Amino acid sequence: MKQGYCEWSRLVVLTALPVLIALFPDLAVAQTSTSPFLTGATALQSNILAWLTPIAIILIMVLGGMAMANRMSWGWCIGAILGIAIAFGAPQIVTWIRGMFGV
């Protein structure tokens, strides 16, 4: 009796699956649709970069003025350059790290 039950359940799954895929095509290709979280994260990232661009330009101008006046620690300059590189290179850094771990 168990063998008949297994064959029956396999038959139901094999016939129901194509029907469900035909009725709900959005579920079949769910990986290609954008999630609300991804949309919000992308909008947040673009807003942060829009605010950060003029701030980074002003920071570089201030650091240049301080360097010309010989009133700057070079640690601040290196920290500012690294901060700007991390802020503007964040998408590439995330892609690189995800690629290292196969995600």
C-alpha atoms as a PDB file:
ATOM      1  CA  MET A   1       0.000   0.000   0.000  1.00  0.00           C
ATOM      2  CA  LYS A   2       2.864   2.357   0.698  1.00  0.00           C
ATOM      3  CA  GLN A   3       4.203   1.946  -2.830  1.00  0.00           C
ATOM      4  CA  GLY A   4       0.852   3.011  -4.324  1.00  0.00           C
ATOM      5  CA  TYR A   5       0.728   6.059  -2.072  1.00  0.00           C
ATOM      6  CA  CYS A   6       4.199   7.142  -3.211  1.00  0.00           C
ATOM      7  CA  GLU A   7       3.316   6.807  -6.876  1.00  0.00           C
ATOM      8  CA  TRP A   8       0.037   8.669  -6.366  1.00  0.00           C
ATOM      9  CA  SER A   9       1.705  11.575  -4.542  1.00  0.00           C
ATOM     10  CA  ARG A  10       4.402  11.786  -7.222  1.00  0.00           C
ATOM     11  CA  LEU A  11       1.698  11.895  -9.899  1.00  0.00           C
ATOM     12  CA  VAL A  12      -0.134  14.698  -8.081  1.00  0.00           C
ATOM     13  CA  VAL A  13       3.056  16.742  -7.673  1.00  0.00           C
ATOM     14  CA  LEU A  14       4.142  16.245 -11.274  1.00  0.00           C
ATOM     15  CA  THR A  15       0.768  17.316 -12.643  1.00  0.00           C
ATOM     16  CA  ALA A  16       0.097  20.112 -10.156  1.00  0.00           C
ATOM     17  CA  LEU A  17       3.490  21.788 -10.527  1.00  0.00           C
ATOM     18  CA  PRO A  18       3.116  22.789 -14.212  1.00  0.00           C
ATOM     19  CA  VAL A  19      -0.432  23.938 -13.546  1.00  0.00           C
ATOM     20  CA  LEU A  20       0.700  26.129 -10.652  1.00  0.00           C
ATOM     21  CA  ILE A  21       3.572  27.556 -12.709  1.00  0.00           C
ATOM     22  CA  ALA A  22       1.156  28.364 -15.524  1.00  0.00           C
ATOM     23  CA  LEU A  23      -1.295  30.030 -13.137  1.00  0.00           C
ATOM     24  CA  PHE A  24       1.309  31.993 -11.152  1.00  0.00           C
ATOM     25  CA  PRO A  25       4.177  32.942 -13.475  1.00  0.00           C
ATOM     26  CA  ASP A  26       5.414  35.604 -11.039  1.00  0.00           C
ATOM     27  CA  LEU A  27       6.240  32.904  -8.516  1.00  0.00           C
ATOM     28  CA  ALA A  28       8.121  30.917 -11.134  1.00  0.00           C
ATOM     29  CA  VAL A  29      10.450  33.817 -11.917  1.00  0.00           C
ATOM     30  CA  ALA A  30      10.587  35.340  -8.441  1.00  0.00           C
ATOM     31  CA  GLN A  31      14.345  35.809  -8.622  1.00  0.00           C
ATOM     32  CA  THR A  32      14.066  38.414 -11.379  1.00  0.00           C
ATOM     33  CA  SER A  33      11.558  40.638  -9.604  1.00  0.00           C
ATOM     34  CA  THR A  34      12.869  43.409  -7.384  1.00  0.00           C
ATOM     35  CA  SER A  35      12.044  43.214  -3.736  1.00  0.00           C
ATOM     36  CA  PRO A  36      10.836  46.285  -1.845  1.00  0.00           C
ATOM     37  CA  PHE A  37      13.887  46.000   0.402  1.00  0.00           C
ATOM     38  CA  LEU A  38      16.262  46.138  -2.561  1.00  0.00           C
ATOM     39  CA  THR A  39      14.396  49.114  -4.019  1.00  0.00           C
ATOM     40  CA  GLY A  40      14.596  50.971  -0.700  1.00  0.00           C
ATOM     41  CA  ALA A  41      18.253  50.094  -0.196  1.00  0.00           C
ATOM     42  CA  THR A  42      19.121  51.338  -3.684  1.00  0.00           C
ATOM     43  CA  ALA A  43      17.242  54.593  -3.078  1.00  0.00           C
ATOM     44  CA  LEU A  44      18.998  55.047   0.267  1.00  0.00           C
ATOM     45  CA  GLN A  45      22.381  54.432  -1.326  1.00  0.00           C
ATOM     46  CA  SER A  46      21.765  56.976  -4.087  1.00  0.00           C
ATOM     47  CA  ASN A  47      20.558  59.554  -1.543  1.00  0.00           C
ATOM     48  CA  ILE A  48      23.621  59.058   0.640  1.00  0.00           C
ATOM     49  CA  LEU A  49      25.923  59.402  -2.365  1.00  0.00           C
ATOM     50  CA  ALA A  50      24.066  62.548  -3.468  1.00  0.00           C
ATOM     51  CA  TRP A  51      24.694  64.099  -0.034  1.00  0.00           C
ATOM     52  CA  LEU A  52      28.224  62.765   0.245  1.00  0.00           C
ATOM     53  CA  THR A  53      29.505  64.106  -3.096  1.00  0.00           C
ATOM     54  CA  PRO A  54      29.560  67.831  -2.178  1.00  0.00           C
ATOM     55  CA  ILE A  55      30.761  67.018   1.350  1.00  0.00           C
ATOM     56  CA  ALA A  56      33.690  65.041  -0.073  1.00  0.00           C
ATOM     57  CA  ILE A  57      34.559  67.888  -2.447  1.00  0.00           C
ATOM     58  CA  ILE A  58      34.541  70.416   0.391  1.00  0.00           C
ATOM     59  CA  LEU A  59      36.593  68.049   2.560  1.00  0.00           C
ATOM     60  CA  ILE A  60      39.264  67.731  -0.135  1.00  0.00           C
ATOM     61  CA  MET A  61      39.355  71.527  -0.509  1.00  0.00           C
ATOM     62  CA  VAL A  62      39.751  72.003   3.259  1.00  0.00           C
ATOM     63  CA  LEU A  63      42.465  69.344   3.432  1.00  0.00           C
ATOM     64  CA  GLY A  64      44.299  71.010   0.551  1.00  0.00           C
ATOM     65  CA  GLY A  65      44.121  74.393   2.277  1.00  0.00           C
ATOM     66  CA  MET A  66      45.346  72.911   5.536  1.00  0.00           C
ATOM     67  CA  ALA A  67      48.196  71.163   3.730  1.00  0.00           C
ATOM     68  CA  MET A  68      49.242  74.418   2.040  1.00  0.00           C
ATOM     69  CA  ALA A  69      49.251  76.149   5.430  1.00  0.00           C
ATOM     70  CA  ASN A  70      51.222  73.250   6.932  1.00  0.00           C
ATOM     71  CA  ARG A  71      48.568  72.785   9.640  1.00  0.00           C
ATOM     72  CA  MET A  72      47.507  69.215   8.961  1.00  0.00           C
ATOM     73  CA  SER A  73      48.357  65.824  10.319  1.00  0.00           C
ATOM     74  CA  TRP A  74      48.837  63.440   7.422  1.00  0.00           C
ATOM     75  CA  GLY A  75      46.878  60.812   9.321  1.00  0.00           C
ATOM     76  CA  TRP A  76      43.754  62.949   8.797  1.00  0.00           C
ATOM     77  CA  CYS A  77      44.497  63.120   5.080  1.00  0.00           C
ATOM     78  CA  ILE A  78      44.945  59.355   4.770  1.00  0.00           C
ATOM     79  CA  GLY A  79      41.787  58.781   6.835  1.00  0.00           C
ATOM     80  CA  ALA A  80      39.782  61.141   4.615  1.00  0.00           C
ATOM     81  CA  ILE A  81      41.031  59.460   1.444  1.00  0.00           C
ATOM     82  CA  LEU A  82      40.217  55.997   2.805  1.00  0.00           C
ATOM     83  CA  GLY A  83      36.776  57.159   3.967  1.00  0.00           C
ATOM     84  CA  ILE A  84      35.944  58.615   0.574  1.00  0.00           C
ATOM     85  CA  ALA A  85      37.208  55.483  -1.179  1.00  0.00           C
ATOM     86  CA  ILE A  86      35.070  53.251   1.056  1.00  0.00           C
ATOM     87  CA  ALA A  87      31.981  55.459   0.744  1.00  0.00           C
ATOM     88  CA  PHE A  88      32.063  55.686  -3.043  1.00  0.00           C
ATOM     89  CA  GLY A  89      33.387  52.153  -3.596  1.00  0.00           C
ATOM     90  CA  ALA A  90      30.893  50.424  -1.292  1.00  0.00           C
ATOM     91  CA  PRO A  91      28.910  48.660  -4.053  1.00  0.00           C
ATOM     92  CA  GLN A  92      32.095  47.246  -5.582  1.00  0.00           C
ATOM     93  CA  ILE A  93      33.387  46.200  -2.145  1.00  0.00           C
ATOM     94  CA  VAL A  94      30.121  44.411  -1.338  1.00  0.00           C
ATOM     95  CA  THR A  95      30.146  42.652  -4.719  1.00  0.00           C
ATOM     96  CA  TRP A  96      33.752  41.584  -4.176  1.00  0.00           C
ATOM     97  CA  ILE A  97      33.072  40.203  -0.673  1.00  0.00           C
ATOM     98  CA  ARG A  98      29.915  38.395  -1.831  1.00  0.00           C
ATOM     99  CA  GLY A  99      31.920  36.886  -4.665  1.00  0.00           C
ATOM    100  CA  MET A 100      34.566  35.623  -2.238  1.00  0.00           C
ATOM    101  CA  PHE A 101      31.957  33.733  -0.222  1.00  0.00           C
ATOM    102  CA  GLY A 102      29.848  32.615  -3.165  1.00  0.00           C
ATOM    103  CA  VAL A 103      26.700  34.500  -2.184  1.00  0.00           C
END
